[in-house]
Amino acid sequence: MSRYTTVIFDFGGVITASPFEAFNRLEEERGLPRDFVRRVNAVNPDDNAWARFERAEIDAAAFDALFAEEARALGHELEGEAVLAVIAGAVRPDMVATLDTLKERGFTIACITNNVPGGKMGIQGAGMTRSAKAAIEVADIMARFVHVIESSKAGVRKPDPRIYLMMCEKLGVEPAECIYLDDLGINCKPAAALGMHAIKVTSGEQALADLSAALEMRLP
């Protein structure tokens, strides 16, 4: 019998492929340095345009302008709207199948995602694209979770420890009962500090291998 009762997933970079791949393609198209978008978002990470957007403190128009200012301060031109247009990653079918397997075996599954208002997921998330088909696909996946916490609705974003504790309180579980998966180490650290078993996701295959080992069962 597993010591864990609950598996909490990030969305972008875990259920879907990493949005950073899309950012790199955008950078290449625009002639920008590789990982420039990540560099912009690393400056003043708790109060920059992206952080404020993910907490729903500003709207898309303000994000577009503020992100452009931040990019310009680092020596390049890039509007926020262009970044938002490419953030959705492709869904990983094996991860979706894993959600179903975990539910069938009695585990509680939930999701914590940093996102932005209006259904567009943020740099630590990924979600609805502008196509109706993709939006339906994401909604179908989200419906599998017992509970979802979105930063833009909660007013708090990862890696703030409060967002993980909010989930535990909602589910009625202790952190030690939980496994948490995220593609960013900075988001895994507070989960681990609280007592969760944190898995940093670098690929779908690696995530499933590590999750299978932690639960002592084969997935999906």
Protein backbone atom coordinates (compact mmCIF):
# COMPACT_ATOMS: atom_id res chain seq x y z
CA MET A 1 0.00 0.00 0.00
CA SER A 2 1.50 3.35 -1.03
CA ARG A 3 2.31 5.91 1.67
CA TYR A 4 0.96 8.52 -0.75
CA THR A 5 -2.73 9.25 -1.26
CA THR A 6 -2.51 12.29 -3.50
CA VAL A 7 -0.66 13.30 -6.67
CA ILE A 8 -0.59 17.01 -7.54
CA PHE A 9 0.39 18.06 -11.05
CA ASP A 10 1.58 21.25 -12.64
CA PHE A 11 0.04 21.61 -16.09
CA GLY A 12 2.43 23.14 -18.63
CA GLY A 13 5.67 21.22 -18.97
CA VAL A 14 4.11 18.24 -17.19
CA ILE A 15 0.75 17.36 -18.75
CA THR A 16 1.84 19.25 -21.85
CA ALA A 17 5.23 19.71 -23.46
CA SER A 18 7.29 22.58 -22.09
CA PRO A 19 6.34 26.07 -23.31
CA PHE A 20 10.04 26.92 -23.24
CA GLU A 21 10.41 25.03 -26.52
CA ALA A 22 7.90 27.42 -28.10
CA PHE A 23 9.72 30.39 -26.60
CA ASN A 24 12.96 29.20 -28.16
CA ARG A 25 11.30 28.95 -31.56
CA LEU A 26 9.95 32.48 -31.17
CA GLU A 27 13.39 33.74 -30.19
CA GLU A 28 14.92 32.12 -33.24
CA GLU A 29 12.27 33.63 -35.52
CA ARG A 30 12.87 37.09 -34.05
CA GLY A 31 16.66 36.83 -34.04
CA LEU A 32 16.77 37.03 -30.24
CA PRO A 33 19.25 35.31 -27.92
CA ARG A 34 18.20 31.82 -26.88
CA ASP A 35 16.23 31.78 -23.61
CA PHE A 36 15.68 35.54 -23.81
CA VAL A 37 12.06 35.19 -22.63
CA ARG A 38 13.25 33.28 -19.57
CA ARG A 39 15.86 35.97 -18.97
CA VAL A 40 13.21 38.69 -19.02
CA ASN A 41 11.11 36.76 -16.54
CA ALA A 42 14.07 36.15 -14.24
CA VAL A 43 14.43 39.88 -13.58
CA ASN A 44 12.39 40.89 -10.52
CA PRO A 45 10.55 37.52 -10.67
CA ASP A 46 8.06 38.29 -7.90
CA ASP A 47 6.85 41.62 -9.27
CA ASN A 48 7.60 41.71 -13.01
CA ALA A 49 4.94 41.83 -15.73
CA TRP A 50 4.49 38.07 -15.79
CA ALA A 51 4.22 37.69 -12.04
CA ARG A 52 1.65 40.48 -11.88
CA PHE A 53 -0.32 39.00 -14.79
CA GLU A 54 -0.38 35.56 -13.17
CA ARG A 55 -1.83 37.11 -10.04
CA ALA A 56 -4.44 38.93 -12.18
CA GLU A 57 -3.15 42.33 -11.07
CA ILE A 58 -2.94 43.58 -14.66
CA ASP A 59 -4.81 42.79 -17.87
CA ALA A 60 -3.45 41.50 -21.19
CA ALA A 61 -2.96 44.97 -22.66
CA ALA A 62 -0.92 46.10 -19.68
CA PHE A 63 1.11 42.89 -19.78
CA ASP A 64 1.84 43.42 -23.47
CA ALA A 65 3.24 46.88 -22.80
CA LEU A 66 5.08 46.11 -19.56
CA PHE A 67 6.73 42.98 -20.93
CA ALA A 68 7.90 44.99 -23.95
CA GLU A 69 9.44 47.56 -21.60
CA GLU A 70 11.24 44.84 -19.67
CA ALA A 71 12.55 43.28 -22.89
CA ARG A 72 13.70 46.68 -24.13
CA ALA A 73 15.56 47.27 -20.87
CA LEU A 74 17.56 44.13 -21.67
CA GLY A 75 18.38 45.40 -25.14
CA HIS A 76 15.81 43.75 -27.41
CA GLU A 77 12.34 44.35 -28.78
CA LEU A 78 9.65 41.77 -27.96
CA GLU A 79 6.03 42.48 -27.17
CA GLY A 80 4.17 40.48 -24.54
CA GLU A 81 1.38 39.61 -26.96
CA ALA A 82 3.80 37.61 -29.11
CA VAL A 83 4.87 35.55 -26.12
CA LEU A 84 1.30 34.81 -25.05
CA ALA A 85 0.48 33.64 -28.57
CA VAL A 86 2.92 30.71 -28.41
CA ILE A 87 2.74 29.45 -24.84
CA ALA A 88 0.44 26.43 -25.27
CA GLY A 89 2.30 23.13 -25.44
CA ALA A 90 1.21 19.86 -27.01
CA VAL A 91 -0.60 17.44 -24.69
CA ARG A 92 1.36 14.35 -23.63
CA PRO A 93 -1.05 11.40 -24.10
CA ASP A 94 0.82 9.15 -21.64
CA MET A 95 0.41 11.74 -18.90
CA VAL A 96 -3.34 11.94 -19.53
CA ALA A 97 -3.53 8.14 -19.43
CA THR A 98 -1.65 8.27 -16.12
CA LEU A 99 -4.30 10.57 -14.67
CA ASP A 100 -6.94 7.98 -15.52
CA THR A 101 -4.87 5.13 -14.10
CA LEU A 102 -4.28 6.97 -10.83
CA LYS A 103 -7.99 7.71 -10.46
CA GLU A 104 -8.87 4.08 -11.15
CA ARG A 105 -6.45 2.98 -8.42
CA GLY A 106 -7.94 5.29 -5.83
CA PHE A 107 -5.48 8.16 -5.76
CA THR A 108 -6.65 11.75 -5.47
CA ILE A 109 -5.32 13.88 -8.33
CA ALA A 110 -5.19 17.67 -8.38
CA CYS A 111 -3.51 20.51 -10.26
CA ILE A 112 -1.71 23.70 -9.24
CA THR A 113 -0.93 25.98 -12.17
CA ASN A 114 0.43 29.47 -12.56
CA ASN A 115 -1.72 31.03 -15.26
CA VAL A 116 -2.94 34.36 -16.51
CA PRO A 117 -6.49 35.74 -16.72
CA GLY A 118 -8.71 34.71 -19.58
CA GLY A 119 -7.69 31.06 -19.87
CA LYS A 120 -4.12 31.63 -21.11
CA MET A 121 -1.64 29.73 -18.98
CA GLY A 122 1.58 31.38 -17.95
CA ILE A 123 5.24 30.57 -18.21
CA GLN A 124 5.03 27.98 -15.46
CA GLY A 125 1.84 26.66 -16.95
CA ALA A 126 0.38 26.07 -20.33
CA GLY A 127 -3.18 25.70 -21.29
CA MET A 128 -5.90 26.79 -23.61
CA THR A 129 -4.77 27.84 -27.02
CA ARG A 130 -6.87 30.13 -29.15
CA SER A 131 -8.47 27.26 -31.03
CA ALA A 132 -11.74 25.89 -29.76
CA LYS A 133 -10.55 22.33 -30.25
CA ALA A 134 -7.52 22.83 -28.00
CA ALA A 135 -9.64 24.61 -25.40
CA ILE A 136 -12.02 21.65 -25.28
CA GLU A 137 -9.10 19.23 -24.94
CA VAL A 138 -7.66 21.17 -22.00
CA ALA A 139 -11.07 21.45 -20.33
CA ASP A 140 -11.50 17.69 -20.65
CA ILE A 141 -8.15 17.10 -18.93
CA MET A 142 -8.87 19.62 -16.19
CA ALA A 143 -12.18 17.88 -15.45
CA ARG A 144 -10.22 14.83 -14.30
CA PHE A 145 -8.79 16.67 -11.31
CA VAL A 146 -10.60 16.73 -7.99
CA HIS A 147 -9.48 20.32 -7.56
CA VAL A 148 -7.52 22.89 -9.58
CA ILE A 149 -5.84 25.98 -8.18
CA GLU A 150 -5.07 28.69 -10.73
CA SER A 151 -2.79 31.52 -9.67
CA SER A 152 -4.85 34.14 -11.51
CA LYS A 153 -7.91 33.19 -9.45
CA ALA A 154 -6.17 32.47 -6.15
CA GLY A 155 -4.13 35.67 -6.17
CA VAL A 156 -1.01 33.74 -5.21
CA ARG A 157 1.48 31.95 -7.46
CA LYS A 158 4.14 29.31 -7.22
CA PRO A 159 6.70 29.18 -5.63
CA ASP A 160 4.82 30.85 -2.75
CA PRO A 161 4.35 28.03 -0.19
CA ARG A 162 0.83 29.25 0.53
CA ILE A 163 -0.48 27.87 -2.75
CA TYR A 164 0.61 24.31 -1.86
CA LEU A 165 -0.90 24.61 1.61
CA MET A 166 -4.13 25.90 0.06
CA MET A 167 -4.33 22.69 -1.95
CA CYS A 168 -3.64 20.46 1.06
CA GLU A 169 -6.32 22.25 3.06
CA LYS A 170 -8.82 21.93 0.23
CA LEU A 171 -8.13 18.20 -0.15
CA GLY A 172 -7.89 17.52 3.57
CA VAL A 173 -4.45 15.93 3.33
CA GLU A 174 -1.01 16.46 4.86
CA PRO A 175 1.91 17.43 2.60
CA ALA A 176 3.65 14.13 3.44
CA GLU A 177 0.79 12.29 1.73
CA CYS A 178 1.41 14.11 -1.55
CA ILE A 179 3.60 13.76 -4.61
CA TYR A 180 4.10 16.98 -6.56
CA LEU A 181 5.27 17.21 -10.19
CA ASP A 182 6.55 20.41 -11.82
CA ASP A 183 8.95 21.21 -14.64
CA LEU A 184 10.61 24.02 -12.65
CA GLY A 185 12.94 23.28 -9.78
CA ILE A 186 12.06 26.59 -8.14
CA ASN A 187 8.48 25.34 -7.81
CA CYS A 188 9.52 21.91 -6.54
CA LYS A 189 11.67 23.26 -3.70
CA PRO A 190 8.85 24.72 -1.55
CA ALA A 191 6.75 21.60 -2.08
CA ALA A 192 9.63 19.44 -0.86
CA ALA A 193 10.28 21.80 2.05
CA LEU A 194 6.69 21.32 3.16
CA GLY A 195 7.14 17.53 3.14
CA MET A 196 5.83 16.58 -0.30
CA HIS A 197 7.72 14.16 -2.53
CA ALA A 198 8.68 16.52 -5.35
CA ILE A 199 9.49 15.34 -8.87
CA LYS A 200 11.17 17.77 -11.28
CA VAL A 201 9.93 16.94 -14.76
CA THR A 202 12.40 17.10 -17.64
CA SER A 203 10.47 14.82 -20.01
CA GLY A 204 7.29 12.78 -20.05
CA GLU A 205 9.25 9.54 -19.91
CA GLN A 206 11.35 10.65 -16.94
CA ALA A 207 8.29 11.93 -15.08
CA LEU A 208 6.46 8.63 -15.45
CA ALA A 209 9.53 6.63 -14.43
CA ASP A 210 10.03 8.70 -11.29
CA LEU A 211 6.33 8.67 -10.42
CA SER A 212 6.16 4.90 -10.96
CA ALA A 213 9.13 4.43 -8.63
CA ALA A 214 7.64 6.65 -5.92
CA LEU A 215 4.29 4.85 -6.05
CA GLU A 216 5.87 1.42 -6.58
CA MET A 217 3.58 0.73 -9.52
CA ARG A 218 3.87 0.79 -13.27
CA LEU A 219 2.39 3.78 -15.11
CA PRO A 220 0.44 4.54 -17.16
